[in-house]
Amino acid sequence: MAILAVGQEGITLSALRPIGKAEFEDKEFEVKTLGNYLETGTPIKIIAIDKSKQIIVEPLSNNI
C-alpha cells in the first residue's frame, strides 16, 4: 500500500466536486478539496490527512 504524506503531489483522475478520485504513486485514492471544483487531470498536492483518513488536496497552482 502506498504511504501518503502531506505535500505529496498527484493528479486528479476525475473531476473533484469537491470529492473525486486522484492518483498518487500509481495508486488510486478518494480525495476531497476544501470546496473547490477541479477538472480531471489537474495536478494536486495533499494539504492534510485527517483522523478518518480523508485526504484533503489543493491544486498545485493557486490559479484555479
PDB file of N, CA and C in Angstrom:
ATOM      1  N   MET A   1       0.846  -1.194   0.000  1.00  0.00           N
ATOM      2  CA  MET A   1       0.000   0.000   0.000  1.00  0.00           C
ATOM      3  C   MET A   1       0.884   1.248   0.000  1.00  0.00           C
ATOM      4  N   ALA A   2       0.498   2.220  -0.800  1.00  0.00           N
ATOM      5  CA  ALA A   2       1.254   3.471  -0.871  1.00  0.00           C
ATOM      6  C   ALA A   2       1.101   4.250   0.433  1.00  0.00           C
ATOM      7  N   ILE A   3       2.192   4.813   0.889  1.00  0.00           N
ATOM      8  CA  ILE A   3       2.154   5.650   2.087  1.00  0.00           C
ATOM      9  C   ILE A   3       2.060   7.093   1.615  1.00  0.00           C
ATOM     10  N   LEU A   4       0.990   7.766   2.032  1.00  0.00           N
ATOM     11  CA  LEU A   4       0.771   9.150   1.618  1.00  0.00           C
ATOM     12  C   LEU A   4       1.221  10.106   2.706  1.00  0.00           C
ATOM     13  N   ALA A   5       1.619  11.309   2.291  1.00  0.00           N
ATOM     14  CA  ALA A   5       2.088  12.317   3.229  1.00  0.00           C
ATOM     15  C   ALA A   5       1.669  13.703   2.757  1.00  0.00           C
ATOM     16  N   VAL A   6       1.511  14.599   3.703  1.00  0.00           N
ATOM     17  CA  VAL A   6       1.216  15.994   3.376  1.00  0.00           C
ATOM     18  C   VAL A   6       2.339  16.528   2.499  1.00  0.00           C
ATOM     19  N   GLY A   7       1.981  17.231   1.442  1.00  0.00           N
ATOM     20  CA  GLY A   7       2.951  17.790   0.496  1.00  0.00           C
ATOM     21  C   GLY A   7       3.167  16.922  -0.725  1.00  0.00           C
ATOM     22  N   GLN A   8       2.699  15.673  -0.670  1.00  0.00           N
ATOM     23  CA  GLN A   8       2.863  14.762  -1.804  1.00  0.00           C
ATOM     24  C   GLN A   8       2.015  15.235  -2.982  1.00  0.00           C
ATOM     25  N   GLU A   9       2.572  15.104  -4.188  1.00  0.00           N
ATOM     26  CA  GLU A   9       1.888  15.562  -5.387  1.00  0.00           C
ATOM     27  C   GLU A   9       1.287  14.397  -6.157  1.00  0.00           C
ATOM     28  N   GLY A  10       0.166  14.680  -6.824  1.00  0.00           N
ATOM     29  CA  GLY A  10      -0.513  13.684  -7.638  1.00  0.00           C
ATOM     30  C   GLY A  10      -1.309  14.373  -8.725  1.00  0.00           C
ATOM     31  N   ILE A  11      -2.286  13.638  -9.278  1.00  0.00           N
ATOM     32  CA  ILE A  11      -3.118  14.181 -10.356  1.00  0.00           C
ATOM     33  C   ILE A  11      -4.541  13.656 -10.197  1.00  0.00           C
ATOM     34  N   THR A  12      -5.517  14.498 -10.547  1.00  0.00           N
ATOM     35  CA  THR A  12      -6.909  14.057 -10.446  1.00  0.00           C
ATOM     36  C   THR A  12      -7.231  13.090 -11.580  1.00  0.00           C
ATOM     37  N   LEU A  13      -7.950  12.029 -11.256  1.00  0.00           N
ATOM     38  CA  LEU A  13      -8.408  11.053 -12.246  1.00  0.00           C
ATOM     39  C   LEU A  13      -9.847  11.318 -12.651  1.00  0.00           C
ATOM     40  N   SER A  14     -10.552  12.100 -11.835  1.00  0.00           N
ATOM     41  CA  SER A  14     -11.925  12.514 -12.135  1.00  0.00           C
ATOM     42  C   SER A  14     -12.050  13.963 -11.704  1.00  0.00           C
ATOM     43  N   ALA A  15     -13.159  14.588 -12.062  1.00  0.00           N
ATOM     44  CA  ALA A  15     -13.417  15.940 -11.562  1.00  0.00           C
ATOM     45  C   ALA A  15     -13.646  15.844 -10.057  1.00  0.00           C
ATOM     46  N   LEU A  16     -13.122  16.803  -9.317  1.00  0.00           N
ATOM     47  CA  LEU A  16     -13.361  16.863  -7.869  1.00  0.00           C
ATOM     48  C   LEU A  16     -14.435  17.909  -7.637  1.00  0.00           C
ATOM     49  N   ARG A  17     -15.588  17.479  -7.073  1.00  0.00           N
ATOM     50  CA  ARG A  17     -16.758  18.375  -6.955  1.00  0.00           C
ATOM     51  C   ARG A  17     -17.348  18.412  -5.557  1.00  0.00           C
ATOM     52  N   PRO A  18     -16.799  18.498  -4.471  1.00  0.00           N
ATOM     53  CA  PRO A  18     -15.356  18.563  -4.244  1.00  0.00           C
ATOM     54  C   PRO A  18     -14.698  17.199  -4.004  1.00  0.00           C
ATOM     55  N   ILE A  19     -15.449  16.098  -4.080  1.00  0.00           N
ATOM     56  CA  ILE A  19     -14.882  14.765  -3.859  1.00  0.00           C
ATOM     57  C   ILE A  19     -14.724  14.042  -5.186  1.00  0.00           C
ATOM     58  N   GLY A  20     -13.644  13.302  -5.323  1.00  0.00           N
ATOM     59  CA  GLY A  20     -13.409  12.528  -6.531  1.00  0.00           C
ATOM     60  C   GLY A  20     -12.191  11.638  -6.364  1.00  0.00           C
ATOM     61  N   LYS A  21     -11.671  11.168  -7.466  1.00  0.00           N
ATOM     62  CA  LYS A  21     -10.535  10.234  -7.462  1.00  0.00           C
ATOM     63  C   LYS A  21      -9.255  10.927  -7.917  1.00  0.00           C
ATOM     64  N   ALA A  22      -8.152  10.516  -7.313  1.00  0.00           N
ATOM     65  CA  ALA A  22      -6.843  11.035  -7.684  1.00  0.00           C
ATOM     66  C   ALA A  22      -5.823   9.914  -7.603  1.00  0.00           C
ATOM     67  N   GLU A  23      -4.700  10.122  -8.266  1.00  0.00           N
ATOM     68  CA  GLU A  23      -3.636   9.129  -8.278  1.00  0.00           C
ATOM     69  C   GLU A  23      -2.390   9.686  -7.605  1.00  0.00           C
ATOM     70  N   PHE A  24      -1.837   8.882  -6.695  1.00  0.00           N
ATOM     71  CA  PHE A  24      -0.562   9.164  -6.046  1.00  0.00           C
ATOM     72  C   PHE A  24       0.251   7.880  -6.122  1.00  0.00           C
ATOM     73  N   GLU A  25       1.472   7.962  -6.638  1.00  0.00           N
ATOM     74  CA  GLU A  25       2.364   6.804  -6.748  1.00  0.00           C
ATOM     75  C   GLU A  25       1.688   5.596  -7.401  1.00  0.00           C
ATOM     76  N   ASP A  26       1.022   5.839  -8.513  1.00  0.00           N
ATOM     77  CA  ASP A  26       0.367   4.787  -9.306  1.00  0.00           C
ATOM     78  C   ASP A  26      -0.765   4.071  -8.578  1.00  0.00           C
ATOM     79  N   LYS A  27      -1.301   4.669  -7.516  1.00  0.00           N
ATOM     80  CA  LYS A  27      -2.445   4.104  -6.787  1.00  0.00           C
ATOM     81  C   LYS A  27      -3.580   5.128  -6.786  1.00  0.00           C
ATOM     82  N   GLU A  28      -4.822   4.627  -6.831  1.00  0.00           N
ATOM     83  CA  GLU A  28      -5.999   5.489  -6.865  1.00  0.00           C
ATOM     84  C   GLU A  28      -6.556   5.669  -5.453  1.00  0.00           C
ATOM     85  N   PHE A  29      -6.922   6.917  -5.130  1.00  0.00           N
ATOM     86  CA  PHE A  29      -7.472   7.248  -3.816  1.00  0.00           C
ATOM     87  C   PHE A  29      -8.660   8.184  -3.987  1.00  0.00           C
ATOM     88  N   GLU A  30      -9.598   8.133  -3.042  1.00  0.00           N
ATOM     89  CA  GLU A  30     -10.664   9.124  -2.996  1.00  0.00           C
ATOM     90  C   GLU A  30     -10.123  10.321  -2.229  1.00  0.00           C
ATOM     91  N   VAL A  31     -10.297  11.500  -2.811  1.00  0.00           N
ATOM     92  CA  VAL A  31      -9.784  12.728  -2.203  1.00  0.00           C
ATOM     93  C   VAL A  31     -10.876  13.791  -2.175  1.00  0.00           C
ATOM     94  N   LYS A  32     -10.600  14.854  -1.436  1.00  0.00           N
ATOM     95  CA  LYS A  32     -11.573  15.936  -1.273  1.00  0.00           C
ATOM     96  C   LYS A  32     -10.839  17.271  -1.290  1.00  0.00           C
ATOM     97  N   THR A  33     -11.482  18.272  -1.897  1.00  0.00           N
ATOM     98  CA  THR A  33     -10.948  19.639  -1.831  1.00  0.00           C
ATOM     99  C   THR A  33     -11.654  20.373  -0.694  1.00  0.00           C
ATOM    100  N   LEU A  34     -11.247  21.599  -0.451  1.00  0.00           N
ATOM    101  CA  LEU A  34     -11.907  22.427   0.560  1.00  0.00           C
ATOM    102  C   LEU A  34     -13.086  23.180  -0.052  1.00  0.00           C
ATOM    103  N   GLY A  35     -13.686  22.602  -1.083  1.00  0.00           N
ATOM    104  CA  GLY A  35     -14.845  23.207  -1.721  1.00  0.00           C
ATOM    105  C   GLY A  35     -14.612  23.600  -3.156  1.00  0.00           C
ATOM    106  N   ASN A  36     -13.357  23.559  -3.600  1.00  0.00           N
ATOM    107  CA  ASN A  36     -13.038  23.929  -4.978  1.00  0.00           C
ATOM    108  C   ASN A  36     -13.445  22.838  -5.953  1.00  0.00           C
ATOM    109  N   TYR A  37     -13.836  23.235  -7.154  1.00  0.00           N
ATOM    110  CA  TYR A  37     -14.094  22.311  -8.255  1.00  0.00           C
ATOM    111  C   TYR A  37     -12.812  22.198  -9.061  1.00  0.00           C
ATOM    112  N   LEU A  38     -12.336  20.974  -9.273  1.00  0.00           N
ATOM    113  CA  LEU A  38     -11.128  20.769 -10.076  1.00  0.00           C
ATOM    114  C   LEU A  38     -11.435  19.814 -11.219  1.00  0.00           C
ATOM    115  N   GLU A  39     -10.920  20.123 -12.394  1.00  0.00           N
ATOM    116  CA  GLU A  39     -11.114  19.292 -13.580  1.00  0.00           C
ATOM    117  C   GLU A  39     -10.250  18.035 -13.520  1.00  0.00           C
ATOM    118  N   THR A  40     -10.631  17.031 -14.288  1.00  0.00           N
ATOM    119  CA  THR A  40      -9.821  15.831 -14.471  1.00  0.00           C
ATOM    120  C   THR A  40      -8.450  16.227 -15.027  1.00  0.00           C
ATOM    121  N   GLY A  41      -7.389  15.622 -14.513  1.00  0.00           N
ATOM    122  CA  GLY A  41      -6.036  15.918 -14.997  1.00  0.00           C
ATOM    123  C   GLY A  41      -5.355  17.076 -14.310  1.00  0.00           C
ATOM    124  N   THR A  42      -5.955  17.625 -13.260  1.00  0.00           N
ATOM    125  CA  THR A  42      -5.358  18.749 -12.543  1.00  0.00           C
ATOM    126  C   THR A  42      -4.253  18.262 -11.611  1.00  0.00           C
ATOM    127  N   PRO A  43      -3.047  18.828 -11.691  1.00  0.00           N
ATOM    128  CA  PRO A  43      -2.002  18.482 -10.726  1.00  0.00           C
ATOM    129  C   PRO A  43      -2.405  18.994  -9.338  1.00  0.00           C
ATOM    130  N   ILE A  44      -2.252  18.143  -8.331  1.00  0.00           N
ATOM    131  CA  ILE A  44      -2.674  18.485  -6.972  1.00  0.00           C
ATOM    132  C   ILE A  44      -1.599  18.100  -5.971  1.00  0.00           C
ATOM    133  N   LYS A  45      -1.755  18.614  -4.741  1.00  0.00           N
ATOM    134  CA  LYS A  45      -0.907  18.165  -3.642  1.00  0.00           C
ATOM    135  C   LYS A  45      -1.774  17.978  -2.407  1.00  0.00           C
ATOM    136  N   ILE A  46      -1.314  17.088  -1.547  1.00  0.00           N
ATOM    137  CA  ILE A  46      -2.022  16.805  -0.300  1.00  0.00           C
ATOM    138  C   ILE A  46      -1.719  17.913   0.692  1.00  0.00           C
ATOM    139  N   ILE A  47      -2.773  18.511   1.280  1.00  0.00           N
ATOM    140  CA  ILE A  47      -2.568  19.546   2.295  1.00  0.00           C
ATOM    141  C   ILE A  47      -2.912  19.046   3.689  1.00  0.00           C
ATOM    142  N   ALA A  48      -3.647  17.921   3.777  1.00  0.00           N
ATOM    143  CA  ALA A  48      -3.986  17.357   5.088  1.00  0.00           C
ATOM    144  C   ALA A  48      -4.510  15.943   4.911  1.00  0.00           C
ATOM    145  N   ILE A  49      -4.300  15.132   5.942  1.00  0.00           N
ATOM    146  CA  ILE A  49      -4.922  13.814   6.035  1.00  0.00           C
ATOM    147  C   ILE A  49      -5.522  13.780   7.435  1.00  0.00           C
ATOM    148  N   ASP A  50      -6.867  13.771   7.510  1.00  0.00           N
ATOM    149  CA  ASP A  50      -7.500  13.871   8.822  1.00  0.00           C
ATOM    150  C   ASP A  50      -7.564  12.517   9.534  1.00  0.00           C
ATOM    151  N   LYS A  51      -8.085  12.528  10.752  1.00  0.00           N
ATOM    152  CA  LYS A  51      -8.117  11.324  11.587  1.00  0.00           C
ATOM    153  C   LYS A  51      -8.912  10.183  10.973  1.00  0.00           C
ATOM    154  N   SER A  52      -9.894  10.508  10.152  1.00  0.00           N
ATOM    155  CA  SER A  52     -10.696   9.473   9.495  1.00  0.00           C
ATOM    156  C   SER A  52     -10.060   9.033   8.177  1.00  0.00           C
ATOM    157  N   LYS A  53      -8.798   9.424   7.943  1.00  0.00           N
ATOM    158  CA  LYS A  53      -8.024   9.062   6.749  1.00  0.00           C
ATOM    159  C   LYS A  53      -8.505   9.747   5.472  1.00  0.00           C
ATOM    160  N   GLN A  54      -9.328  10.793   5.619  1.00  0.00           N
ATOM    161  CA  GLN A  54      -9.768  11.545   4.444  1.00  0.00           C
ATOM    162  C   GLN A  54      -8.596  12.393   3.950  1.00  0.00           C
ATOM    163  N   ILE A  55      -8.353  12.348   2.639  1.00  0.00           N
ATOM    164  CA  ILE A  55      -7.219  13.039   2.031  1.00  0.00           C
ATOM    165  C   ILE A  55      -7.721  14.370   1.466  1.00  0.00           C
ATOM    166  N   ILE A  56      -7.200  15.474   1.975  1.00  0.00           N
ATOM    167  CA  ILE A  56      -7.600  16.822   1.545  1.00  0.00           C
ATOM    168  C   ILE A  56      -6.510  17.338   0.607  1.00  0.00           C
ATOM    169  N   VAL A  57      -6.938  17.836  -0.571  1.00  0.00           N
ATOM    170  CA  VAL A  57      -5.979  18.289  -1.576  1.00  0.00           C
ATOM    171  C   VAL A  57      -6.287  19.701  -2.053  1.00  0.00           C
ATOM    172  N   GLU A  58      -5.302  20.301  -2.706  1.00  0.00           N
ATOM    173  CA  GLU A  58      -5.482  21.587  -3.390  1.00  0.00           C
ATOM    174  C   GLU A  58      -4.697  21.526  -4.688  1.00  0.00           C
ATOM    175  N   PRO A  59      -5.070  22.363  -5.663  1.00  0.00           N
ATOM    176  CA  PRO A  59      -4.316  22.374  -6.915  1.00  0.00           C
ATOM    177  C   PRO A  59      -2.890  22.886  -6.677  1.00  0.00           C
ATOM    178  N   LEU A  60      -1.944  22.397  -7.470  1.00  0.00           N
ATOM    179  CA  LEU A  60      -0.564  22.861  -7.351  1.00  0.00           C
ATOM    180  C   LEU A  60      -0.456  24.344  -7.652  1.00  0.00           C
ATOM    181  N   SER A  61      -1.211  24.808  -8.639  1.00  0.00           N
ATOM    182  CA  SER A  61      -1.243  26.226  -8.969  1.00  0.00           C
ATOM    183  C   SER A  61      -2.442  26.839  -8.265  1.00  0.00           C
ATOM    184  N   ASN A  62      -2.250  27.973  -7.635  1.00  0.00           N
ATOM    185  CA  ASN A  62      -3.374  28.633  -6.964  1.00  0.00           C
ATOM    186  C   ASN A  62      -4.248  29.409  -7.947  1.00  0.00           C
ATOM    187  N   ASN A  63      -3.943  29.315  -9.237  1.00  0.00           N
ATOM    188  CA  ASN A  63      -4.753  29.976 -10.272  1.00  0.00           C
ATOM    189  C   ASN A  63      -5.859  29.029 -10.712  1.00  0.00           C
ATOM    190  N   ILE A  64      -6.893  28.926  -9.907  1.00  0.00           N
ATOM    191  CA  ILE A  64      -7.988  27.996 -10.202  1.00  0.00           C
ATOM    192  C   ILE A  64      -8.877  28.554 -11.300  1.00  0.00           C
TER     193      ILE A  64
END
